N, C-alpha and C. Protein backbone atom coordinates (compact mmCIF):
# COMPACT_ATOMS: atom_id res chain seq x y z
N GLU A 1 -101.56 -6.10 -60.30
CA GLU A 1 -101.82 -6.71 -59.02
C GLU A 1 -103.25 -7.17 -58.87
N THR A 2 -104.18 -6.50 -59.55
CA THR A 2 -105.59 -6.84 -59.38
C THR A 2 -106.10 -7.76 -60.48
N GLY A 3 -105.25 -8.05 -61.45
CA GLY A 3 -105.66 -8.93 -62.55
C GLY A 3 -106.46 -8.21 -63.62
N GLY A 4 -106.51 -6.89 -63.55
CA GLY A 4 -107.24 -6.12 -64.56
C GLY A 4 -106.57 -6.18 -65.92
N GLN A 5 -107.35 -5.92 -66.95
CA GLN A 5 -106.82 -5.90 -68.31
C GLN A 5 -106.93 -4.49 -68.87
N LEU A 6 -106.09 -4.21 -69.82
CA LEU A 6 -106.05 -2.89 -70.42
C LEU A 6 -106.02 -3.01 -71.94
N THR A 7 -106.87 -2.24 -72.58
CA THR A 7 -106.84 -2.12 -74.03
C THR A 7 -106.56 -0.67 -74.36
N VAL A 8 -105.61 -0.45 -75.26
CA VAL A 8 -105.21 0.90 -75.65
C VAL A 8 -105.47 1.05 -77.15
N LEU A 9 -106.14 2.15 -77.50
CA LEU A 9 -106.35 2.48 -78.91
C LEU A 9 -105.52 3.71 -79.24
N ARG A 10 -104.65 3.57 -80.22
CA ARG A 10 -103.79 4.67 -80.64
C ARG A 10 -104.36 5.25 -81.93
N TYR A 11 -105.06 6.38 -81.80
CA TYR A 11 -105.70 7.01 -82.95
C TYR A 11 -104.66 7.74 -83.79
N HIS A 12 -104.81 7.61 -85.09
CA HIS A 12 -103.96 8.39 -85.98
C HIS A 12 -104.72 9.65 -86.37
N ASN A 13 -104.54 10.24 -87.50
CA ASN A 13 -105.12 11.54 -87.82
C ASN A 13 -106.62 11.41 -88.09
N VAL A 14 -107.41 11.67 -87.05
CA VAL A 14 -108.86 11.52 -87.12
C VAL A 14 -109.48 12.76 -87.74
N TYR A 15 -110.43 12.55 -88.64
CA TYR A 15 -111.16 13.66 -89.26
C TYR A 15 -112.61 13.24 -89.41
N GLY A 16 -113.49 14.21 -89.60
CA GLY A 16 -114.89 13.92 -89.82
C GLY A 16 -115.78 14.91 -89.11
N PRO A 17 -117.10 14.64 -89.08
CA PRO A 17 -118.05 15.56 -88.45
C PRO A 17 -117.65 15.87 -87.01
N GLY A 18 -117.82 17.13 -86.64
CA GLY A 18 -117.49 17.56 -85.29
C GLY A 18 -116.02 17.93 -85.11
N LEU A 19 -115.27 17.93 -86.20
CA LEU A 19 -113.84 18.26 -86.12
C LEU A 19 -113.67 19.67 -85.59
N PRO A 20 -112.92 19.84 -84.49
CA PRO A 20 -112.73 21.20 -83.95
C PRO A 20 -111.82 22.01 -84.87
N ARG A 21 -112.16 23.28 -85.03
CA ARG A 21 -111.34 24.16 -85.86
C ARG A 21 -110.87 25.34 -85.04
N ASP A 22 -109.90 26.02 -85.58
CA ASP A 22 -109.43 27.29 -85.02
C ASP A 22 -109.05 27.18 -83.54
N THR A 23 -108.41 26.07 -83.18
CA THR A 23 -107.86 25.93 -81.84
C THR A 23 -106.37 25.63 -82.00
N PRO A 24 -105.58 25.84 -80.96
CA PRO A 24 -104.15 25.55 -81.06
C PRO A 24 -103.88 24.06 -81.28
N TYR A 25 -104.87 23.22 -81.03
CA TYR A 25 -104.67 21.77 -81.12
C TYR A 25 -105.28 21.18 -82.39
N ALA A 26 -105.77 22.03 -83.28
CA ALA A 26 -106.40 21.56 -84.50
C ALA A 26 -105.39 20.82 -85.36
N GLY A 27 -105.83 19.72 -85.93
CA GLY A 27 -104.99 18.96 -86.85
C GLY A 27 -104.97 19.59 -88.23
N VAL A 28 -104.21 18.99 -89.10
CA VAL A 28 -104.03 19.56 -90.43
C VAL A 28 -105.33 19.59 -91.23
N ALA A 29 -106.22 18.62 -91.04
CA ALA A 29 -107.50 18.65 -91.75
C ALA A 29 -108.30 19.88 -91.33
N ALA A 30 -108.30 20.20 -90.04
CA ALA A 30 -109.02 21.38 -89.55
C ALA A 30 -108.38 22.67 -90.07
N ILE A 31 -107.06 22.69 -90.10
CA ILE A 31 -106.34 23.88 -90.59
C ILE A 31 -106.67 24.14 -92.05
N PHE A 32 -106.66 23.09 -92.87
CA PHE A 32 -106.99 23.25 -94.29
C PHE A 32 -108.44 23.67 -94.48
N SER A 33 -109.37 23.06 -93.74
CA SER A 33 -110.78 23.41 -93.91
C SER A 33 -111.04 24.84 -93.46
N SER A 34 -110.36 25.30 -92.41
CA SER A 34 -110.51 26.68 -91.96
C SER A 34 -110.05 27.66 -93.03
N ALA A 35 -108.91 27.35 -93.65
CA ALA A 35 -108.40 28.23 -94.72
C ALA A 35 -109.40 28.29 -95.87
N LEU A 36 -109.92 27.16 -96.29
CA LEU A 36 -110.86 27.13 -97.41
C LEU A 36 -112.16 27.86 -97.04
N ALA A 37 -112.60 27.73 -95.80
CA ALA A 37 -113.81 28.43 -95.36
C ALA A 37 -113.62 29.94 -95.41
N ARG A 38 -112.38 30.41 -95.22
CA ARG A 38 -112.07 31.84 -95.31
C ARG A 38 -111.82 32.28 -96.75
N GLY A 39 -111.89 31.34 -97.70
CA GLY A 39 -111.64 31.67 -99.10
C GLY A 39 -110.17 31.69 -99.45
N GLU A 40 -109.34 31.10 -98.59
CA GLU A 40 -107.90 31.07 -98.81
C GLU A 40 -107.45 29.70 -99.29
N ALA A 41 -106.29 29.67 -99.91
CA ALA A 41 -105.69 28.40 -100.33
C ALA A 41 -105.10 27.69 -99.11
N PRO A 42 -105.22 26.38 -99.04
CA PRO A 42 -104.55 25.65 -97.96
C PRO A 42 -103.03 25.81 -98.13
N ARG A 43 -102.34 26.08 -97.04
CA ARG A 43 -100.88 26.24 -97.05
C ARG A 43 -100.25 24.94 -96.59
N VAL A 44 -99.44 24.35 -97.46
CA VAL A 44 -98.82 23.06 -97.20
C VAL A 44 -97.34 23.28 -96.89
N PHE A 45 -96.91 22.81 -95.73
CA PHE A 45 -95.51 22.98 -95.33
C PHE A 45 -94.61 21.97 -96.03
N GLU A 46 -93.32 22.24 -95.92
CA GLU A 46 -92.26 21.44 -96.56
C GLU A 46 -92.58 21.29 -98.05
N ASP A 47 -92.50 20.06 -98.56
CA ASP A 47 -92.80 19.83 -99.97
C ASP A 47 -94.15 19.15 -100.16
N GLY A 48 -94.87 18.95 -99.05
CA GLY A 48 -96.17 18.29 -99.11
C GLY A 48 -96.09 16.78 -99.12
N GLY A 49 -94.88 16.24 -99.13
CA GLY A 49 -94.70 14.80 -99.22
C GLY A 49 -94.75 14.06 -97.89
N GLN A 50 -95.01 14.79 -96.80
CA GLN A 50 -95.09 14.14 -95.49
C GLN A 50 -96.26 13.15 -95.51
N ARG A 51 -96.00 11.95 -95.03
CA ARG A 51 -97.05 10.91 -95.07
C ARG A 51 -97.73 10.79 -93.71
N ARG A 52 -99.05 10.64 -93.78
CA ARG A 52 -99.86 10.44 -92.59
C ARG A 52 -100.91 9.38 -92.89
N ASP A 53 -101.58 8.95 -91.84
CA ASP A 53 -102.68 8.00 -91.95
C ASP A 53 -103.93 8.72 -91.45
N PHE A 54 -104.84 9.05 -92.35
CA PHE A 54 -106.07 9.76 -92.01
C PHE A 54 -107.20 8.75 -91.87
N VAL A 55 -107.90 8.81 -90.73
CA VAL A 55 -108.97 7.86 -90.45
C VAL A 55 -110.23 8.64 -90.06
N HIS A 56 -111.35 8.22 -90.62
CA HIS A 56 -112.63 8.89 -90.37
C HIS A 56 -113.14 8.59 -88.97
N VAL A 57 -113.79 9.58 -88.36
CA VAL A 57 -114.29 9.44 -86.99
C VAL A 57 -115.30 8.30 -86.86
N ASP A 58 -116.08 8.01 -87.89
CA ASP A 58 -117.01 6.88 -87.82
C ASP A 58 -116.26 5.56 -87.67
N ASP A 59 -115.13 5.44 -88.35
CA ASP A 59 -114.31 4.23 -88.24
C ASP A 59 -113.68 4.14 -86.85
N VAL A 60 -113.28 5.28 -86.29
CA VAL A 60 -112.73 5.31 -84.94
C VAL A 60 -113.80 4.88 -83.94
N ALA A 61 -115.02 5.36 -84.12
CA ALA A 61 -116.11 4.98 -83.22
C ALA A 61 -116.34 3.47 -83.26
N GLN A 62 -116.31 2.90 -84.46
CA GLN A 62 -116.50 1.45 -84.58
C GLN A 62 -115.36 0.69 -83.90
N ALA A 63 -114.15 1.18 -84.00
CA ALA A 63 -113.02 0.53 -83.32
C ALA A 63 -113.23 0.57 -81.81
N ASN A 64 -113.75 1.68 -81.30
CA ASN A 64 -114.03 1.79 -79.87
C ASN A 64 -115.08 0.78 -79.43
N VAL A 65 -116.14 0.66 -80.19
CA VAL A 65 -117.20 -0.30 -79.86
C VAL A 65 -116.64 -1.72 -79.81
N LEU A 66 -115.86 -2.08 -80.82
CA LEU A 66 -115.28 -3.43 -80.85
C LEU A 66 -114.34 -3.66 -79.67
N ALA A 67 -113.54 -2.65 -79.34
CA ALA A 67 -112.60 -2.80 -78.22
C ALA A 67 -113.35 -2.93 -76.90
N LEU A 68 -114.43 -2.17 -76.74
CA LEU A 68 -115.20 -2.21 -75.49
C LEU A 68 -115.98 -3.51 -75.31
N THR A 69 -116.31 -4.15 -76.40
CA THR A 69 -117.12 -5.37 -76.31
C THR A 69 -116.30 -6.64 -76.49
N SER A 70 -114.99 -6.48 -76.55
CA SER A 70 -114.08 -7.62 -76.74
C SER A 70 -113.39 -7.98 -75.42
N ASP A 71 -112.98 -9.21 -75.33
CA ASP A 71 -112.19 -9.65 -74.18
C ASP A 71 -110.70 -9.51 -74.43
N VAL A 72 -110.33 -9.05 -75.62
CA VAL A 72 -108.93 -8.91 -75.98
C VAL A 72 -108.34 -7.68 -75.29
N ALA A 73 -107.22 -7.85 -74.63
CA ALA A 73 -106.50 -6.74 -74.01
C ALA A 73 -105.19 -6.55 -74.77
N ALA A 74 -105.07 -5.43 -75.44
CA ALA A 74 -103.88 -5.19 -76.27
C ALA A 74 -103.81 -3.71 -76.63
N THR A 75 -102.76 -3.34 -77.33
CA THR A 75 -102.62 -1.99 -77.88
C THR A 75 -102.85 -2.09 -79.38
N PHE A 76 -103.75 -1.24 -79.88
CA PHE A 76 -104.12 -1.27 -81.29
C PHE A 76 -103.93 0.10 -81.93
N ASN A 77 -103.37 0.11 -83.13
CA ASN A 77 -103.34 1.32 -83.94
C ASN A 77 -104.68 1.43 -84.64
N VAL A 78 -105.28 2.62 -84.61
CA VAL A 78 -106.54 2.87 -85.30
C VAL A 78 -106.26 3.89 -86.40
N GLY A 79 -106.18 3.42 -87.60
CA GLY A 79 -105.92 4.26 -88.77
C GLY A 79 -106.52 3.59 -89.98
N SER A 80 -106.43 4.24 -91.10
CA SER A 80 -106.98 3.65 -92.32
C SER A 80 -106.08 2.53 -92.85
N GLY A 81 -104.81 2.57 -92.45
CA GLY A 81 -103.86 1.62 -93.00
C GLY A 81 -103.33 2.07 -94.36
N GLU A 82 -103.76 3.26 -94.80
CA GLU A 82 -103.32 3.81 -96.09
C GLU A 82 -102.50 5.06 -95.86
N GLN A 83 -101.39 5.15 -96.53
CA GLN A 83 -100.54 6.34 -96.43
C GLN A 83 -101.00 7.37 -97.45
N ARG A 84 -101.17 8.58 -96.97
CA ARG A 84 -101.51 9.70 -97.85
C ARG A 84 -100.57 10.84 -97.51
N THR A 85 -100.26 11.66 -98.49
CA THR A 85 -99.42 12.81 -98.21
C THR A 85 -100.27 13.98 -97.75
N ILE A 86 -99.62 14.92 -97.10
CA ILE A 86 -100.31 16.14 -96.68
C ILE A 86 -100.82 16.88 -97.92
N LEU A 87 -100.06 16.85 -99.00
CA LEU A 87 -100.51 17.49 -100.23
C LEU A 87 -101.74 16.78 -100.79
N ASP A 88 -101.82 15.44 -100.69
CA ASP A 88 -103.03 14.71 -101.10
C ASP A 88 -104.25 15.24 -100.34
N LEU A 89 -104.09 15.41 -99.04
CA LEU A 89 -105.19 15.89 -98.21
C LEU A 89 -105.60 17.30 -98.63
N ALA A 90 -104.64 18.18 -98.82
CA ALA A 90 -104.94 19.56 -99.20
C ALA A 90 -105.67 19.60 -100.55
N LYS A 91 -105.22 18.81 -101.50
CA LYS A 91 -105.87 18.78 -102.82
C LYS A 91 -107.28 18.21 -102.71
N ALA A 92 -107.46 17.16 -101.93
CA ALA A 92 -108.79 16.57 -101.76
C ALA A 92 -109.75 17.59 -101.13
N PHE A 93 -109.29 18.33 -100.14
CA PHE A 93 -110.12 19.36 -99.52
C PHE A 93 -110.46 20.46 -100.51
N ALA A 94 -109.45 20.94 -101.24
CA ALA A 94 -109.69 22.01 -102.21
C ALA A 94 -110.69 21.56 -103.27
N ASP A 95 -110.57 20.33 -103.75
CA ASP A 95 -111.52 19.79 -104.73
C ASP A 95 -112.92 19.71 -104.14
N ALA A 96 -113.03 19.17 -102.93
CA ALA A 96 -114.33 18.98 -102.30
C ALA A 96 -115.01 20.31 -101.98
N ALA A 97 -114.20 21.31 -101.64
CA ALA A 97 -114.74 22.60 -101.25
C ALA A 97 -114.89 23.57 -102.42
N GLY A 98 -114.37 23.18 -103.57
CA GLY A 98 -114.40 24.10 -104.70
C GLY A 98 -113.54 25.31 -104.45
N GLY A 99 -112.48 25.12 -103.66
CA GLY A 99 -111.62 26.23 -103.27
C GLY A 99 -110.35 26.32 -104.09
N GLN A 100 -109.49 27.21 -103.65
CA GLN A 100 -108.21 27.43 -104.31
C GLN A 100 -107.31 26.21 -104.16
N ASP A 101 -106.46 26.02 -105.16
CA ASP A 101 -105.47 24.95 -105.09
C ASP A 101 -104.50 25.22 -103.94
N PRO A 102 -103.97 24.16 -103.33
CA PRO A 102 -103.01 24.34 -102.23
C PRO A 102 -101.74 25.05 -102.70
N VAL A 103 -101.12 25.73 -101.75
CA VAL A 103 -99.84 26.39 -101.99
C VAL A 103 -98.80 25.66 -101.15
N VAL A 104 -97.77 25.14 -101.80
CA VAL A 104 -96.67 24.48 -101.09
C VAL A 104 -95.66 25.56 -100.72
N THR A 105 -95.45 25.75 -99.42
CA THR A 105 -94.67 26.90 -98.94
C THR A 105 -93.18 26.63 -98.76
N GLY A 106 -92.81 25.38 -98.54
CA GLY A 106 -91.42 25.08 -98.23
C GLY A 106 -91.08 25.38 -96.77
N GLU A 107 -92.00 26.01 -96.03
CA GLU A 107 -91.78 26.30 -94.62
C GLU A 107 -91.88 24.99 -93.83
N PHE A 108 -91.50 25.05 -92.58
CA PHE A 108 -91.62 23.85 -91.75
C PHE A 108 -91.96 24.27 -90.33
N ARG A 109 -92.49 23.31 -89.58
CA ARG A 109 -92.77 23.53 -88.17
C ARG A 109 -91.75 22.75 -87.37
N LEU A 110 -91.10 23.44 -86.47
CA LEU A 110 -90.10 22.81 -85.63
C LEU A 110 -90.71 21.62 -84.87
N GLY A 111 -90.05 20.50 -84.94
CA GLY A 111 -90.51 19.30 -84.23
C GLY A 111 -91.48 18.45 -85.00
N ASP A 112 -91.91 18.90 -86.18
CA ASP A 112 -92.83 18.10 -86.97
C ASP A 112 -92.11 16.86 -87.51
N VAL A 113 -92.78 15.74 -87.48
CA VAL A 113 -92.19 14.49 -87.95
C VAL A 113 -92.50 14.33 -89.44
N ARG A 114 -91.56 13.78 -90.17
CA ARG A 114 -91.74 13.66 -91.62
C ARG A 114 -92.86 12.67 -91.98
N HIS A 115 -92.84 11.49 -91.40
CA HIS A 115 -93.84 10.47 -91.73
C HIS A 115 -94.37 9.81 -90.46
N VAL A 116 -95.69 9.67 -90.38
CA VAL A 116 -96.33 8.95 -89.28
C VAL A 116 -97.47 8.13 -89.89
N THR A 117 -97.31 6.84 -89.91
CA THR A 117 -98.34 5.98 -90.49
C THR A 117 -98.67 4.84 -89.51
N ALA A 118 -99.79 4.19 -89.75
CA ALA A 118 -100.28 3.18 -88.82
C ALA A 118 -100.23 1.78 -89.43
N ASP A 119 -99.77 0.83 -88.65
CA ASP A 119 -99.88 -0.57 -89.01
C ASP A 119 -101.13 -1.08 -88.30
N THR A 120 -102.16 -1.37 -89.06
CA THR A 120 -103.44 -1.76 -88.49
C THR A 120 -103.68 -3.27 -88.53
N ALA A 121 -102.65 -4.03 -88.80
CA ALA A 121 -102.82 -5.49 -88.93
C ALA A 121 -103.38 -6.11 -87.65
N ARG A 122 -102.92 -5.65 -86.51
CA ARG A 122 -103.34 -6.26 -85.25
C ARG A 122 -104.83 -6.05 -84.97
N ILE A 123 -105.33 -4.82 -85.12
CA ILE A 123 -106.74 -4.57 -84.85
C ILE A 123 -107.64 -5.28 -85.87
N ARG A 124 -107.14 -5.40 -87.09
CA ARG A 124 -107.90 -6.13 -88.11
C ARG A 124 -107.99 -7.61 -87.75
N ALA A 125 -106.87 -8.18 -87.32
CA ALA A 125 -106.83 -9.62 -87.02
C ALA A 125 -107.53 -9.96 -85.70
N GLU A 126 -107.28 -9.16 -84.67
CA GLU A 126 -107.77 -9.54 -83.34
C GLU A 126 -109.17 -9.03 -83.02
N LEU A 127 -109.58 -7.92 -83.62
CA LEU A 127 -110.93 -7.41 -83.36
C LEU A 127 -111.83 -7.48 -84.59
N GLY A 128 -111.27 -7.86 -85.73
CA GLY A 128 -112.06 -7.93 -86.96
C GLY A 128 -112.48 -6.57 -87.49
N TRP A 129 -111.75 -5.53 -87.09
CA TRP A 129 -112.08 -4.16 -87.50
C TRP A 129 -111.44 -3.83 -88.83
N SER A 130 -112.13 -3.05 -89.63
CA SER A 130 -111.52 -2.46 -90.82
C SER A 130 -112.26 -1.16 -91.11
N PRO A 131 -111.56 -0.17 -91.63
CA PRO A 131 -112.21 1.11 -91.92
C PRO A 131 -113.22 0.95 -93.05
N ALA A 132 -114.31 1.69 -92.95
CA ALA A 132 -115.37 1.59 -93.95
C ALA A 132 -115.56 2.85 -94.78
N VAL A 133 -115.10 4.01 -94.27
CA VAL A 133 -115.34 5.28 -94.96
C VAL A 133 -114.17 5.58 -95.90
N PRO A 134 -114.43 5.60 -97.21
CA PRO A 134 -113.36 5.93 -98.16
C PRO A 134 -112.86 7.37 -97.94
N PHE A 135 -111.58 7.57 -98.15
CA PHE A 135 -110.94 8.86 -97.90
C PHE A 135 -111.66 10.03 -98.57
N ARG A 136 -111.85 9.97 -99.88
CA ARG A 136 -112.45 11.11 -100.60
C ARG A 136 -113.90 11.35 -100.16
N ALA A 137 -114.65 10.29 -99.88
CA ALA A 137 -116.03 10.45 -99.41
C ALA A 137 -116.04 11.14 -98.05
N GLY A 138 -115.14 10.76 -97.17
CA GLY A 138 -115.05 11.39 -95.86
C GLY A 138 -114.65 12.85 -95.95
N ILE A 139 -113.74 13.17 -96.86
CA ILE A 139 -113.31 14.56 -97.04
C ILE A 139 -114.46 15.39 -97.61
N ARG A 140 -115.21 14.83 -98.56
CA ARG A 140 -116.38 15.55 -99.11
C ARG A 140 -117.40 15.83 -98.00
N GLN A 141 -117.63 14.85 -97.15
CA GLN A 141 -118.57 15.02 -96.04
C GLN A 141 -118.11 16.14 -95.11
N LEU A 142 -116.85 16.13 -94.75
CA LEU A 142 -116.31 17.13 -93.84
C LEU A 142 -116.33 18.51 -94.48
N ALA A 143 -115.98 18.61 -95.74
CA ALA A 143 -116.00 19.90 -96.44
C ALA A 143 -117.41 20.45 -96.45
N GLY A 144 -118.40 19.60 -96.64
CA GLY A 144 -119.80 20.06 -96.64
C GLY A 144 -120.24 20.57 -95.28
N GLU A 145 -119.71 19.99 -94.22
CA GLU A 145 -120.08 20.43 -92.86
C GLU A 145 -119.37 21.72 -92.47
N LEU A 146 -118.10 21.81 -92.80
CA LEU A 146 -117.29 22.93 -92.31
C LEU A 146 -117.32 24.16 -93.21
N ILE A 147 -117.68 23.95 -94.46
CA ILE A 147 -117.67 25.05 -95.41
C ILE A 147 -119.11 25.23 -95.89
N PRO A 148 -119.87 26.14 -95.26
CA PRO A 148 -121.30 26.25 -95.51
C PRO A 148 -121.68 26.37 -96.99
N SER A 149 -120.86 27.01 -97.80
CA SER A 149 -121.19 27.17 -99.21
C SER A 149 -121.20 25.85 -99.96
N ARG A 150 -120.68 24.78 -99.37
CA ARG A 150 -120.60 23.48 -100.03
C ARG A 150 -121.73 22.55 -99.61
N ARG A 151 -122.65 23.00 -98.77
CA ARG A 151 -123.74 22.14 -98.29
C ARG A 151 -124.74 21.87 -99.36
């Protein structure tokens, strides 16, 4: 009614500096880093083949800046645009932290979705955004922050 515009950013699995840990709302990256910080192996549910889109917080911040300074009103997925498995993430964390190899448990969480990935074509085309932080570099950075022995 007022002629206002709305831009919506749909973040996928965000990780990076400042990632909250040990809360009921912690994502899988935080759960794995907490386990490694305790000297435990990351526990991977199902078969580890669940696909997700992990995006670094610096890339999310850049998407926000572009959205705030643009006249485009739309809904955008903010993700890396790359599919990675939960097992990929656990292995990358274990490698970066020098910790134990992940353990695939076969357990599952009720209501967990098998695959959630992002189509980032729209934000790339309309805002000129693209992720800049490579997955393994971002995981190494996070492991160094969250696991003091890796600094």
